[in-house]
Protein backbone atom coordinates (compact mmCIF):
# COMPACT_ATOMS: atom_id res chain seq x y z
CA ASN A 1 -110.06 111.37 108.54
CA ASN A 2 -108.87 110.71 105.04
CA VAL A 3 -109.61 108.26 102.29
CA TYR A 4 -106.87 107.46 99.80
CA LEU A 5 -107.58 105.71 96.52
CA ALA A 6 -105.05 104.37 94.04
CA PHE A 7 -105.73 102.94 90.61
CA ILE A 8 -103.48 100.95 88.34
CA VAL A 9 -105.01 100.73 84.90
CA THR A 10 -103.73 98.58 82.06
CA ASP A 11 -105.29 99.02 78.65
CA ASP A 12 -103.98 98.12 75.22
CA TYR A 13 -105.76 101.05 73.53
CA HIS A 14 -106.69 104.50 74.93
CA GLU A 15 -110.07 105.79 73.78
CA ASN A 16 -112.09 108.67 75.18
CA SER A 17 -113.15 110.49 72.03
CA ARG A 18 -116.65 111.31 73.24
CA ASN A 19 -115.39 113.13 76.34
CA SER A 20 -117.85 111.09 78.37
CA ALA A 21 -115.85 109.69 81.27
CA TRP A 22 -118.25 106.86 81.94
CA ASN A 23 -118.16 105.85 78.27
CA GLY A 24 -114.40 105.77 77.69
CA ASP A 25 -111.16 104.93 79.45
CA SER A 26 -111.59 106.60 82.81
CA VAL A 27 -112.24 106.24 86.51
CA GLN A 28 -115.58 107.29 87.95
CA LEU A 29 -116.15 107.65 91.70
CA MET A 30 -119.62 108.13 93.17
CA ILE A 31 -120.14 108.94 96.84
CA ALA A 32 -123.52 108.34 98.48
CA ASN A 33 -125.00 109.43 101.78
CA ALA A 34 -125.11 107.09 104.81
CA LYS A 35 -128.51 105.67 103.78
CA GLN A 36 -127.19 105.10 100.25
CA ASP A 37 -130.28 106.70 98.75
CA ALA A 38 -128.78 109.97 97.52
CA ARG A 39 -125.66 110.90 95.59
CA VAL A 40 -123.37 113.29 97.46
CA GLY A 41 -120.62 113.54 94.87
CA LEU A 42 -119.69 112.26 91.43
CA TYR A 43 -116.12 112.57 90.17
CA ASN A 44 -114.76 111.60 86.76
CA TYR A 45 -111.06 111.36 85.98
CA ALA A 46 -110.02 110.79 82.38
CA LEU A 47 -107.54 111.70 79.70
CA GLY A 48 -109.18 113.05 76.57
CA GLY A 49 -108.48 112.02 73.02
CA VAL A 50 -107.71 108.87 71.09
CA GLU A 51 -104.48 106.89 71.04
CA GLY A 52 -102.17 108.07 68.29
CA ALA A 53 -103.71 111.56 68.12
CA LEU A 54 -100.82 113.18 70.02
CA GLY A 55 -97.73 114.33 68.10
């Protein structure tokens, strides 16, 4: 029993300067219980920084 997720993201400007995944360019996944009244897991996937800050 597996769940596979794939994301294709297109953005003209990368911004995640606050290191708050929900507030920048990121993907946030929340998993709830069967009744959908309690959070079981919360996962944030993001690249840190601001476009142009690398090298």
